[in-house]
C-alpha atoms as a PDB file:
ATOM      1  CA  MET A   1       0.023  -0.020  -0.044  1.00  0.00           C
ATOM      2  CA  LEU A   2       1.237   3.542  -0.924  1.00  0.00           C
ATOM      3  CA  ARG A   3       0.343   6.052   1.835  1.00  0.00           C
ATOM      4  CA  LEU A   4       0.098   9.647   0.833  1.00  0.00           C
ATOM      5  CA  ALA A   5      -0.730  12.810   2.751  1.00  0.00           C
ATOM      6  CA  ASN A   6      -2.712  15.954   1.905  1.00  0.00           C
ATOM      7  CA  ASN A   7      -3.603  18.973   3.875  1.00  0.00           C
ATOM      8  CA  ALA A   8      -7.342  19.270   3.310  1.00  0.00           C
ATOM      9  CA  PHE A   9     -10.184  16.750   3.090  1.00  0.00           C
ATOM     10  CA  PRO A  10     -12.579  17.179   0.025  1.00  0.00           C
ATOM     11  CA  ALA A  11     -15.428  19.569   0.683  1.00  0.00           C
ATOM     12  CA  ASN A  12     -17.019  18.633  -2.590  1.00  0.00           C
ATOM     13  CA  TRP A  13     -15.857  15.838  -4.869  1.00  0.00           C
ATOM     14  CA  ASN A  14     -17.130  17.534  -8.105  1.00  0.00           C
ATOM     15  CA  PRO A  15     -13.973  18.846  -9.734  1.00  0.00           C
ATOM     16  CA  PHE A  16     -16.125  21.448 -11.733  1.00  0.00           C
ATOM     17  CA  HIS A  17     -17.727  22.970  -8.677  1.00  0.00           C
ATOM     18  CA  SER A  18     -16.346  26.016  -6.947  1.00  0.00           C
ATOM     19  CA  ASP A  19     -15.685  23.905  -3.764  1.00  0.00           C
ATOM     20  CA  GLY A  20     -14.351  20.901  -5.613  1.00  0.00           C
ATOM     21  CA  ASN A  21     -11.625  22.749  -7.551  1.00  0.00           C
ATOM     22  CA  GLU A  22      -8.973  22.281  -4.869  1.00  0.00           C
ATOM     23  CA  ALA A  23      -5.475  20.800  -5.105  1.00  0.00           C
ATOM     24  CA  ASN A  24      -5.928  17.988  -2.602  1.00  0.00           C
ATOM     25  CA  THR A  25      -9.222  16.896  -4.083  1.00  0.00           C
ATOM     26  CA  SER A  26      -7.719  16.930  -7.559  1.00  0.00           C
ATOM     27  CA  ASP A  27      -4.774  14.699  -6.320  1.00  0.00           C
ATOM     28  CA  ILE A  28      -7.310  12.014  -5.237  1.00  0.00           C
ATOM     29  CA  LEU A  29      -9.645  12.395  -8.120  1.00  0.00           C
ATOM     30  CA  ARG A  30      -6.796  12.014 -10.622  1.00  0.00           C
ATOM     31  CA  THR A  31      -6.495   8.339  -9.645  1.00  0.00           C
ATOM     32  CA  ILE A  32     -10.206   7.612 -10.277  1.00  0.00           C
ATOM     33  CA  PHE A  33     -11.474  10.253 -12.793  1.00  0.00           C
ATOM     34  CA  PRO A  34     -10.388  11.580 -16.130  1.00  0.00           C
ATOM     35  CA  LEU A  35      -9.391  14.850 -14.751  1.00  0.00           C
ATOM     36  CA  GLU A  36      -7.012  15.510 -17.654  1.00  0.00           C
ATOM     37  CA  VAL A  37      -7.677  14.398 -21.199  1.00  0.00           C
ATOM     38  CA  TRP A  38      -4.479  16.091 -22.352  1.00  0.00           C
ATOM     39  CA  TRP A  39      -0.918  16.463 -21.122  1.00  0.00           C
ATOM     40  CA  SER A  40       2.406  18.040 -22.034  1.00  0.00           C
ATOM     41  CA  ASN A  41       5.991  16.979 -22.038  1.00  0.00           C
ATOM     42  CA  ALA A  42       8.964  18.728 -20.447  1.00  0.00           C
ATOM     43  CA  ALA A  43       9.388  20.976 -23.488  1.00  0.00           C
ATOM     44  CA  GLY A  44       5.817  22.237 -23.133  1.00  0.00           C
ATOM     45  CA  GLU A  45       4.577  20.345 -26.141  1.00  0.00           C
ATOM     46  CA  VAL A  46       0.916  19.627 -25.512  1.00  0.00           C
ATOM     47  CA  SER A  47      -0.810  16.468 -26.910  1.00  0.00           C
ATOM     48  CA  ALA A  48      -3.777  14.220 -26.302  1.00  0.00           C
ATOM     49  CA  ASN A  49      -3.628  11.985 -23.234  1.00  0.00           C
ATOM     50  CA  PRO A  50      -3.728   8.543 -24.850  1.00  0.00           C
ATOM     51  CA  HIS A  51      -5.571   7.105 -21.878  1.00  0.00           C
ATOM     52  CA  TYR A  52      -8.647   9.023 -22.910  1.00  0.00           C
ATOM     53  CA  THR A  53      -8.178  10.803 -26.261  1.00  0.00           C
ATOM     54  CA  LYS A  54      -6.980  10.167 -29.769  1.00  0.00           C
ATOM     55  CA  ARG A  55      -6.566  13.849 -30.637  1.00  0.00           C
ATOM     56  CA  ILE A  56      -7.220  17.409 -29.527  1.00  0.00           C
ATOM     57  CA  GLU A  57      -6.408  19.910 -32.092  1.00  0.00           C
ATOM     58  CA  LEU A  58      -7.331  23.116 -33.975  1.00  0.00           C
ATOM     59  CA  THR A  59      -8.845  22.468 -37.379  1.00  0.00           C
ATOM     60  CA  SER A  60      -9.373  26.101 -38.125  1.00  0.00           C
ATOM     61  CA  GLU A  61      -7.725  29.363 -37.040  1.00  0.00           C
ATOM     62  CA  ASP A  62     -10.373  31.843 -38.251  1.00  0.00           C
ATOM     63  CA  PRO A  63     -12.857  31.095 -36.898  1.00  0.00           C
ATOM     64  CA  GLN A  64     -11.006  29.188 -34.231  1.00  0.00           C
ATOM     65  CA  VAL A  65     -12.369  25.533 -34.166  1.00  0.00           C
ATOM     66  CA  MET A  66     -11.191  22.806 -31.882  1.00  0.00           C
ATOM     67  CA  GLU A  67     -11.907  19.091 -32.314  1.00  0.00           C
ATOM     68  CA  ILE A  68     -11.728  16.532 -29.565  1.00  0.00           C
ATOM     69  CA  GLU A  69     -11.765  12.840 -30.431  1.00  0.00           C
ATOM     70  CA  LEU A  70     -12.098  10.389 -27.532  1.00  0.00           C
ATOM     71  CA  ASN A  71     -10.826   6.765 -27.484  1.00  0.00           C
ATOM     72  CA  GLU A  72     -13.453   4.085 -28.296  1.00  0.00           C
ATOM     73  CA  GLY A  73     -14.872   1.765 -25.663  1.00  0.00           C
ATOM     74  CA  MET A  74     -14.514   3.940 -22.656  1.00  0.00           C
ATOM     75  CA  THR A  75     -17.483   3.948 -20.102  1.00  0.00           C
ATOM     76  CA  TRP A  76     -18.213   5.646 -16.759  1.00  0.00           C
ATOM     77  CA  SER A  77     -18.686   3.262 -13.743  1.00  0.00           C
ATOM     78  CA  ASP A  78     -22.359   3.548 -14.081  1.00  0.00           C
ATOM     79  CA  GLY A  79     -22.186   1.965 -17.591  1.00  0.00           C
ATOM     80  CA  THR A  80     -22.826   5.018 -19.631  1.00  0.00           C
ATOM     81  CA  PRO A  81     -20.367   5.778 -22.435  1.00  0.00           C
ATOM     82  CA  ILE A  82     -17.702   8.368 -22.383  1.00  0.00           C
ATOM     83  CA  ASP A  83     -18.501  10.051 -25.632  1.00  0.00           C
ATOM     84  CA  TYR A  84     -19.556  13.368 -27.241  1.00  0.00           C
ATOM     85  CA  LYS A  85     -22.190  13.924 -24.686  1.00  0.00           C
ATOM     86  CA  SER A  86     -19.636  13.812 -21.919  1.00  0.00           C
ATOM     87  CA  ILE A  87     -17.789  16.585 -23.590  1.00  0.00           C
ATOM     88  CA  GLU A  88     -20.824  18.622 -24.366  1.00  0.00           C
ATOM     89  CA  ASN A  89     -21.924  18.394 -20.685  1.00  0.00           C
ATOM     90  CA  VAL A  90     -18.764  20.305 -19.760  1.00  0.00           C
ATOM     91  CA  PHE A  91     -19.163  23.137 -22.343  1.00  0.00           C
ATOM     92  CA  LYS A  92     -22.837  23.501 -21.819  1.00  0.00           C
ATOM     93  CA  ILE A  93     -22.556  23.879 -18.004  1.00  0.00           C
ATOM     94  CA  MET A  94     -19.188  25.584 -17.625  1.00  0.00           C
ATOM     95  CA  ASP A  95     -20.018  28.615 -19.937  1.00  0.00           C
ATOM     96  CA  GLY A  96     -21.787  30.308 -16.932  1.00  0.00           C
ATOM     97  CA  SER A  97     -25.111  30.724 -18.668  1.00  0.00           C
ATOM     98  CA  GLN A  98     -26.926  28.692 -15.993  1.00  0.00           C
ATOM     99  CA  GLU A  99     -26.430  30.538 -12.816  1.00  0.00           C
ATOM    100  CA  GLU A 100     -27.865  27.806 -10.614  1.00  0.00           C
ATOM    101  CA  TYR A 101     -24.832  25.719 -11.262  1.00  0.00           C
ATOM    102  CA  ALA A 102     -22.027  26.730  -8.793  1.00  0.00           C
ATOM    103  CA  ILE A 103     -19.265  26.380 -11.320  1.00  0.00           C
ATOM    104  CA  ALA A 104     -15.568  26.886 -10.543  1.00  0.00           C
ATOM    105  CA  SER A 105     -14.991  29.245 -13.543  1.00  0.00           C
ATOM    106  CA  SER A 106     -16.509  30.040 -16.933  1.00  0.00           C
ATOM    107  CA  GLU A 107     -13.162  31.345 -18.243  1.00  0.00           C
ATOM    108  CA  GLY A 108     -12.734  30.196 -21.846  1.00  0.00           C
ATOM    109  CA  TYR A 109     -15.973  28.336 -21.934  1.00  0.00           C
ATOM    110  CA  ASN A 110     -17.771  31.648 -22.196  1.00  0.00           C
ATOM    111  CA  LYS A 111     -15.827  32.379 -25.477  1.00  0.00           C
ATOM    112  CA  VAL A 112     -17.348  29.321 -27.202  1.00  0.00           C
ATOM    113  CA  GLU A 113     -20.002  30.019 -29.903  1.00  0.00           C
ATOM    114  CA  LYS A 114     -21.138  26.352 -30.238  1.00  0.00           C
ATOM    115  CA  ILE A 115     -20.332  22.781 -29.641  1.00  0.00           C
ATOM    116  CA  GLU A 116     -21.496  20.128 -32.216  1.00  0.00           C
ATOM    117  CA  GLN A 117     -21.037  16.422 -32.701  1.00  0.00           C
ATOM    118  CA  GLY A 118     -18.444  15.520 -35.354  1.00  0.00           C
ATOM    119  CA  ASP A 119     -18.382  12.614 -37.764  1.00  0.00           C
ATOM    120  CA  SER A 120     -18.896  10.049 -34.893  1.00  0.00           C
ATOM    121  CA  ASP A 121     -20.298  10.133 -31.336  1.00  0.00           C
ATOM    122  CA  LEU A 122     -16.698  10.319 -30.052  1.00  0.00           C
ATOM    123  CA  ILE A 123     -15.932  13.625 -31.825  1.00  0.00           C
ATOM    124  CA  ALA A 124     -16.814  17.050 -30.605  1.00  0.00           C
ATOM    125  CA  VAL A 125     -16.330  20.164 -32.719  1.00  0.00           C
ATOM    126  CA  ILE A 126     -16.138  23.402 -30.767  1.00  0.00           C
ATOM    127  CA  THR A 127     -16.258  26.806 -32.544  1.00  0.00           C
ATOM    128  CA  PHE A 128     -15.104  29.911 -30.621  1.00  0.00           C
ATOM    129  CA  LYS A 129     -16.625  33.310 -30.808  1.00  0.00           C
ATOM    130  CA  GLU A 130     -13.059  34.809 -30.591  1.00  0.00           C
ATOM    131  CA  LYS A 131      -9.546  33.414 -30.438  1.00  0.00           C
ATOM    132  CA  TYR A 132      -8.655  31.817 -27.185  1.00  0.00           C
ATOM    133  CA  ALA A 133      -5.036  30.971 -26.409  1.00  0.00           C
ATOM    134  CA  ASP A 134      -5.750  28.250 -23.830  1.00  0.00           C
ATOM    135  CA  TRP A 135      -8.255  26.379 -25.901  1.00  0.00           C
ATOM    136  CA  ILE A 136      -6.714  22.907 -25.193  1.00  0.00           C
ATOM    137  CA  GLY A 137      -7.145  23.514 -21.342  1.00  0.00           C
ATOM    138  CA  LEU A 138     -10.876  23.513 -21.952  1.00  0.00           C
ATOM    139  CA  ALA A 139     -11.050  19.853 -23.091  1.00  0.00           C
ATOM    140  CA  ALA A 140     -12.720  17.788 -20.460  1.00  0.00           C
ATOM    141  CA  VAL A 141     -15.425  15.132 -19.939  1.00  0.00           C
ATOM    142  CA  MET A 142     -18.319  15.122 -17.416  1.00  0.00           C
ATOM    143  CA  PRO A 143     -20.715  12.199 -16.601  1.00  0.00           C
ATOM    144  CA  ASP A 144     -24.427  12.759 -17.510  1.00  0.00           C
ATOM    145  CA  SER A 145     -25.520  12.080 -13.992  1.00  0.00           C
ATOM    146  CA  LEU A 146     -23.410  15.029 -12.722  1.00  0.00           C
ATOM    147  CA  ALA A 147     -24.776  17.289 -15.306  1.00  0.00           C
ATOM    148  CA  GLU A 148     -28.415  16.368 -15.214  1.00  0.00           C
ATOM    149  CA  SER A 149     -29.461  19.061 -12.691  1.00  0.00           C
ATOM    150  CA  ALA A 150     -28.092  21.844 -10.611  1.00  0.00           C
ATOM    151  CA  GLU A 151     -28.826  19.823  -7.415  1.00  0.00           C
ATOM    152  CA  ALA A 152     -26.814  16.845  -8.673  1.00  0.00           C
ATOM    153  CA  PHE A 153     -24.006  19.237  -9.726  1.00  0.00           C
ATOM    154  CA  ASN A 154     -23.877  21.262  -6.496  1.00  0.00           C
ATOM    155  CA  THR A 155     -24.690  18.740  -3.784  1.00  0.00           C
ATOM    156  CA  GLY A 156     -24.615  15.254  -5.446  1.00  0.00           C
ATOM    157  CA  TRP A 157     -20.992  14.677  -4.793  1.00  0.00           C
ATOM    158  CA  LEU A 158     -20.689  16.109  -1.373  1.00  0.00           C
ATOM    159  CA  GLU A 159     -20.056  12.756   0.282  1.00  0.00           C
ATOM    160  CA  GLY A 160     -18.054  11.157  -2.481  1.00  0.00           C
ATOM    161  CA  PRO A 161     -17.827  10.655  -6.345  1.00  0.00           C
ATOM    162  CA  GLN A 162     -20.810   9.033  -7.658  1.00  0.00           C
ATOM    163  CA  VAL A 163     -19.336   8.033 -10.989  1.00  0.00           C
ATOM    164  CA  THR A 164     -15.606   7.262 -11.794  1.00  0.00           C
ATOM    165  CA  ALA A 165     -13.572   6.251 -14.703  1.00  0.00           C
ATOM    166  CA  GLY A 166      -9.835   5.607 -14.074  1.00  0.00           C
ATOM    167  CA  PRO A 167      -7.197   3.039 -13.140  1.00  0.00           C
ATOM    168  CA  PHE A 168      -8.540   3.024  -9.495  1.00  0.00           C
ATOM    169  CA  LYS A 169     -11.894   3.169  -7.820  1.00  0.00           C
ATOM    170  CA  ILE A 170     -12.916   4.271  -4.365  1.00  0.00           C
ATOM    171  CA  GLY A 171     -12.377   1.517  -1.787  1.00  0.00           C
ATOM    172  CA  LYS A 172     -13.489   3.466   1.336  1.00  0.00           C
ATOM    173  CA  ILE A 173     -13.974   7.064   2.358  1.00  0.00           C
ATOM    174  CA  ASP A 174     -13.650   7.631   6.008  1.00  0.00           C
ATOM    175  CA  SER A 175     -14.701  11.168   6.606  1.00  0.00           C
ATOM    176  CA  GLY A 176     -14.247  10.837  10.412  1.00  0.00           C
ATOM    177  CA  ASN A 177     -10.617   9.872  10.133  1.00  0.00           C
ATOM    178  CA  LYS A 178     -10.179  11.862   6.885  1.00  0.00           C
ATOM    179  CA  THR A 179      -8.757   9.090   4.960  1.00  0.00           C
ATOM    180  CA  VAL A 180      -9.611   7.905   1.345  1.00  0.00           C
ATOM    181  CA  LEU A 181      -8.566   4.428   0.064  1.00  0.00           C
ATOM    182  CA  VAL A 182      -8.437   3.710  -3.650  1.00  0.00           C
ATOM    183  CA  GLU A 183      -8.053   0.332  -5.272  1.00  0.00           C
ATOM    184  CA  PRO A 184      -7.511  -0.971  -8.809  1.00  0.00           C
ATOM    185  CA  ASP A 185     -10.576  -0.763 -10.955  1.00  0.00           C
ATOM    186  CA  GLU A 186     -11.154  -4.015 -12.855  1.00  0.00           C
ATOM    187  CA  ASN A 187     -13.013  -2.122 -15.489  1.00  0.00           C
ATOM    188  CA  TRP A 188     -10.101   0.153 -16.381  1.00  0.00           C
ATOM    189  CA  TRP A 189      -9.192  -0.143 -20.050  1.00  0.00           C
ATOM    190  CA  GLY A 190      -5.630   0.839 -19.695  1.00  0.00           C
ATOM    191  CA  ASP A 191      -2.518  -0.804 -18.157  1.00  0.00           C
ATOM    192  CA  THR A 192      -3.164  -2.524 -14.840  1.00  0.00           C
ATOM    193  CA  PRO A 193      -1.978  -0.423 -11.826  1.00  0.00           C
ATOM    194  CA  PHE A 194       1.085  -1.777 -10.151  1.00  0.00           C
ATOM    195  CA  LEU A 195      -0.177  -0.671  -6.725  1.00  0.00           C
ATOM    196  CA  SER A 196      -2.785  -2.644  -4.914  1.00  0.00           C
ATOM    197  CA  GLN A 197      -3.936   0.268  -2.782  1.00  0.00           C
ATOM    198  CA  VAL A 198      -3.337   3.910  -2.260  1.00  0.00           C
ATOM    199  CA  LEU A 199      -4.362   5.564   1.034  1.00  0.00           C
ATOM    200  CA  PHE A 200      -4.716   9.333   1.201  1.00  0.00           C
ATOM    201  CA  THR A 201      -4.708  10.734   4.677  1.00  0.00           C
ATOM    202  CA  THR A 202      -5.495  14.384   5.542  1.00  0.00           C
ATOM    203  CA  ILE A 203      -2.971  15.920   7.891  1.00  0.00           C
ATOM    204  CA  GLU A 204      -3.646  19.626   8.227  1.00  0.00           C
ATOM    205  CA  ASP A 205      -0.559  20.543  10.220  1.00  0.00           C
ATOM    206  CA  PRO A 206       2.583  20.854   7.905  1.00  0.00           C
ATOM    207  CA  ALA A 207       4.856  19.883  10.767  1.00  0.00           C
ATOM    208  CA  ALA A 208       2.888  16.770  11.418  1.00  0.00           C
ATOM    209  CA  THR A 209       2.958  15.933   7.719  1.00  0.00           C
ATOM    210  CA  ALA A 210       6.816  16.126   7.864  1.00  0.00           C
ATOM    211  CA  THR A 211       6.952  14.047  10.980  1.00  0.00           C
ATOM    212  CA  SER A 212       4.700  11.412   9.420  1.00  0.00           C
ATOM    213  CA  PHE A 213       6.988  11.231   6.404  1.00  0.00           C
ATOM    214  CA  GLN A 214      10.098  10.962   8.480  1.00  0.00           C
ATOM    215  CA  ASN A 215       8.477   8.197  10.544  1.00  0.00           C
ATOM    216  CA  GLY A 216       7.648   6.261   7.349  1.00  0.00           C
ATOM    217  CA  LEU A 217       3.880   6.588   8.001  1.00  0.00           C
ATOM    218  CA  THR A 218       3.212   8.392   4.684  1.00  0.00           C
ATOM    219  CA  GLY A 219       5.059   8.448   1.318  1.00  0.00           C
ATOM    220  CA  ARG A 220       6.020  11.390  -0.755  1.00  0.00           C
ATOM    221  CA  HIS A 221       3.228  13.829  -1.509  1.00  0.00           C
ATOM    222  CA  ARG A 222       2.979  14.437  -5.183  1.00  0.00           C
ATOM    223  CA  ASP A 223       0.558  14.362  -8.223  1.00  0.00           C
ATOM    224  CA  HIS A 224      -1.105  11.195  -8.823  1.00  0.00           C
ATOM    225  CA  GLY A 225      -2.393  10.149 -12.243  1.00  0.00           C
ATOM    226  CA  PRO A 226      -2.602   7.040 -14.512  1.00  0.00           C
ATOM    227  CA  ARG A 227       0.966   7.513 -15.709  1.00  0.00           C
ATOM    228  CA  ASP A 228       2.347   7.896 -12.051  1.00  0.00           C
ATOM    229  CA  LEU A 229       0.514   5.002 -10.540  1.00  0.00           C
ATOM    230  CA  LEU A 230       0.924   2.620 -13.500  1.00  0.00           C
ATOM    231  CA  GLY A 231       4.687   2.726 -12.985  1.00  0.00           C
ATOM    232  CA  GLY A 232       5.784   6.081 -14.275  1.00  0.00           C
ATOM    233  CA  ARG A 233       8.098   8.660 -12.532  1.00  0.00           C
ATOM    234  CA  ALA A 234       6.727  11.840 -11.135  1.00  0.00           C
ATOM    235  CA  ASP A 235       9.710  14.201 -11.081  1.00  0.00           C
ATOM    236  CA  ASP A 236       8.607  17.445 -12.859  1.00  0.00           C
ATOM    237  CA  ARG A 237       5.018  18.267 -13.461  1.00  0.00           C
ATOM    238  CA  GLN A 238       3.289  21.076 -15.317  1.00  0.00           C
ATOM    239  CA  ARG A 239      -0.056  22.555 -14.407  1.00  0.00           C
ATOM    240  CA  CYS A 240      -1.977  24.650 -16.787  1.00  0.00           C
ATOM    241  CA  GLY A 241      -5.498  25.497 -17.691  1.00  0.00           C
ATOM    242  CA  LEU A 242      -8.123  27.734 -16.021  1.00  0.00           C
ATOM    243  CA  CYS A 243      -6.291  28.660 -12.841  1.00  0.00           C
ATOM    244  CA  VAL A 244      -6.310  32.433 -12.865  1.00  0.00           C
ATOM    245  CA  ARG A 245      -4.099  33.416  -9.969  1.00  0.00           C
ATOM    246  CA  SER A 246      -5.803  30.819  -7.804  1.00  0.00           C
ATOM    247  CA  ARG A 247      -3.631  31.548  -4.843  1.00  0.00           C
ATOM    248  CA  ALA A 248      -3.912  35.328  -4.912  1.00  0.00           C
ATOM    249  CA  ARG A 249      -5.463  35.284  -1.497  1.00  0.00           C
ATOM    250  CA  THR A 250      -2.291  33.677   0.018  1.00  0.00           C
ATOM    251  CA  GLY A 251       0.230  35.606  -2.114  1.00  0.00           C
ATOM    252  CA  ALA A 252       1.691  32.321  -3.309  1.00  0.00           C
ATOM    253  CA  THR A 253       1.201  32.858  -6.959  1.00  0.00           C
ATOM    254  CA  SER A 254       3.237  31.204  -9.674  1.00  0.00           C
ATOM    255  CA  PRO A 255       4.560  32.900 -12.761  1.00  0.00           C
ATOM    256  CA  SER A 256       2.913  32.108 -16.138  1.00  0.00           C
ATOM    257  CA  THR A 257       4.878  29.865 -18.394  1.00  0.00           C
ATOM    258  CA  ALA A 258       2.728  28.606 -21.082  1.00  0.00           C
ATOM    259  CA  PRO A 259       4.177  26.554 -24.015  1.00  0.00           C
ATOM    260  CA  ARG A 260       3.124  29.419 -26.385  1.00  0.00           C
ATOM    261  CA  ALA A 261       4.872  32.730 -26.557  1.00  0.00           C
ATOM    262  CA  GLY A 262       3.176  35.996 -25.904  1.00  0.00           C
ATOM    263  CA  ARG A 263       1.089  35.001 -22.863  1.00  0.00           C
ATOM    264  CA  SER A 264       0.145  37.659 -20.497  1.00  0.00           C
ATOM    265  CA  PRO A 265       1.205  37.115 -16.833  1.00  0.00           C
ATOM    266  CA  THR A 266      -2.414  37.199 -15.931  1.00  0.00           C
ATOM    267  CA  ARG A 267      -3.173  34.278 -18.309  1.00  0.00           C
ATOM    268  CA  PRO A 268      -4.364  31.095 -16.630  1.00  0.00           C
ATOM    269  CA  CYS A 269      -1.259  28.967 -16.582  1.00  0.00           C
ATOM    270  CA  ALA A 270       1.326  28.072 -13.972  1.00  0.00           C
ATOM    271  CA  ARG A 271       4.333  25.710 -14.376  1.00  0.00           C
ATOM    272  CA  ARG A 272       5.769  23.957 -11.267  1.00  0.00           C
ATOM    273  CA  SER A 273       8.013  21.326 -10.314  1.00  0.00           C
ATOM    274  CA  SER A 274       7.554  18.719  -7.494  1.00  0.00           C
ATOM    275  CA  VAL A 275       9.180  21.182  -5.137  1.00  0.00           C
ATOM    276  CA  ARG A 276       6.770  23.918  -6.032  1.00  0.00           C
ATOM    277  CA  SER A 277       3.882  21.531  -5.712  1.00  0.00           C
ATOM    278  CA  THR A 278       4.440  21.638  -1.936  1.00  0.00           C
ATOM    279  CA  ALA A 279       4.007  25.388  -2.004  1.00  0.00           C
ATOM    280  CA  ARG A 280       0.861  25.000  -3.970  1.00  0.00           C
ATOM    281  CA  ARG A 281      -0.657  22.926  -1.274  1.00  0.00           C
ATOM    282  CA  SER A 282      -0.107  25.633   1.289  1.00  0.00           C
ATOM    283  CA  SER A 283      -3.414  26.923  -0.020  1.00  0.00           C
ATOM    284  CA  SER A 284      -6.265  24.571   0.493  1.00  0.00           C
ATOM    285  CA  ARG A 285      -8.728  26.308  -1.939  1.00  0.00           C
ATOM    286  CA  SER A 286      -8.489  27.135  -5.629  1.00  0.00           C
ATOM    287  CA  THR A 287     -11.607  28.785  -6.988  1.00  0.00           C
ATOM    288  CA  PRO A 288     -11.252  28.459 -10.706  1.00  0.00           C
ATOM    289  CA  ARG A 289     -11.150  24.929 -12.100  1.00  0.00           C
ATOM    290  CA  CYS A 290      -7.668  23.953 -13.020  1.00  0.00           C
ATOM    291  CA  PRO A 291      -7.031  21.112 -15.426  1.00  0.00           C
ATOM    292  CA  THR A 292      -3.436  19.959 -15.289  1.00  0.00           C
ATOM    293  CA  ARG A 293      -0.932  19.149 -18.027  1.00  0.00           C
ATOM    294  CA  ARG A 294       0.716  15.824 -17.322  1.00  0.00           C
ATOM    295  CA  THR A 295       4.316  15.183 -18.235  1.00  0.00           C
ATOM    296  CA  PRO A 296       4.548  11.653 -19.820  1.00  0.00           C
ATOM    297  CA  SER A 297       7.579   9.885 -18.300  1.00  0.00           C
ATOM    298  CA  ARG A 298       8.699   6.293 -17.881  1.00  0.00           C
END
């Protein structure tokens, strides 16, 4: 069993919700949910995350048009397919037009003119009203049950994720002891996880976290995703997307270092290494939803 520490127990397990867009919650969700359908390498070259997508690309510059093509045969844990509708759910809810949904941020989604199904039910074609530099960071999927109503979106995942799709699944959530156990999901379509269990424990005191690590009670605290927990290394990571100065309240902001030139320092992108990830977790809340770029490594 791998034991990992975080500093805040999830207030809401919905990563698209204003209370669910939080670093510690994302670290857990990344093992059980397609939180990133894209990633980037150390050079900042962005590509589709092969665990979930075949391609994410611009097919037109004027107007700006993005196409997302998902892999075949993927399903949510409730049996519904991960397809065009899963992408549409994100763009229809996250554009901010439905005020009853307490979304993390409409940034980028509010610049979309329309989303349409492509040549198959695995392809989404997104047309923008105006050029948007961080278009790839908008690519995401959301289960139908989470999108079906404002109530389901806002409160349906308060006690735990109701639908998953990843290399792991929830084994046990113990809110009293603030622990979350994840175990390999037999329905995962990718490589089999090499870990039999991962236990996340919330330790709010940084000094206690360090002591726990020194005593061998917890392992290294880092990002966790299909690549990491299927045998990959997690040395340097990049995080980018819709985080617009998410730690402004603590002053612990990160400089913008997007893979494309000409980005304003207020653009929603922050690059960090494993050392800087510790600093990120000094803040327990990040209001705008922040998809992350994963560095593929072996």
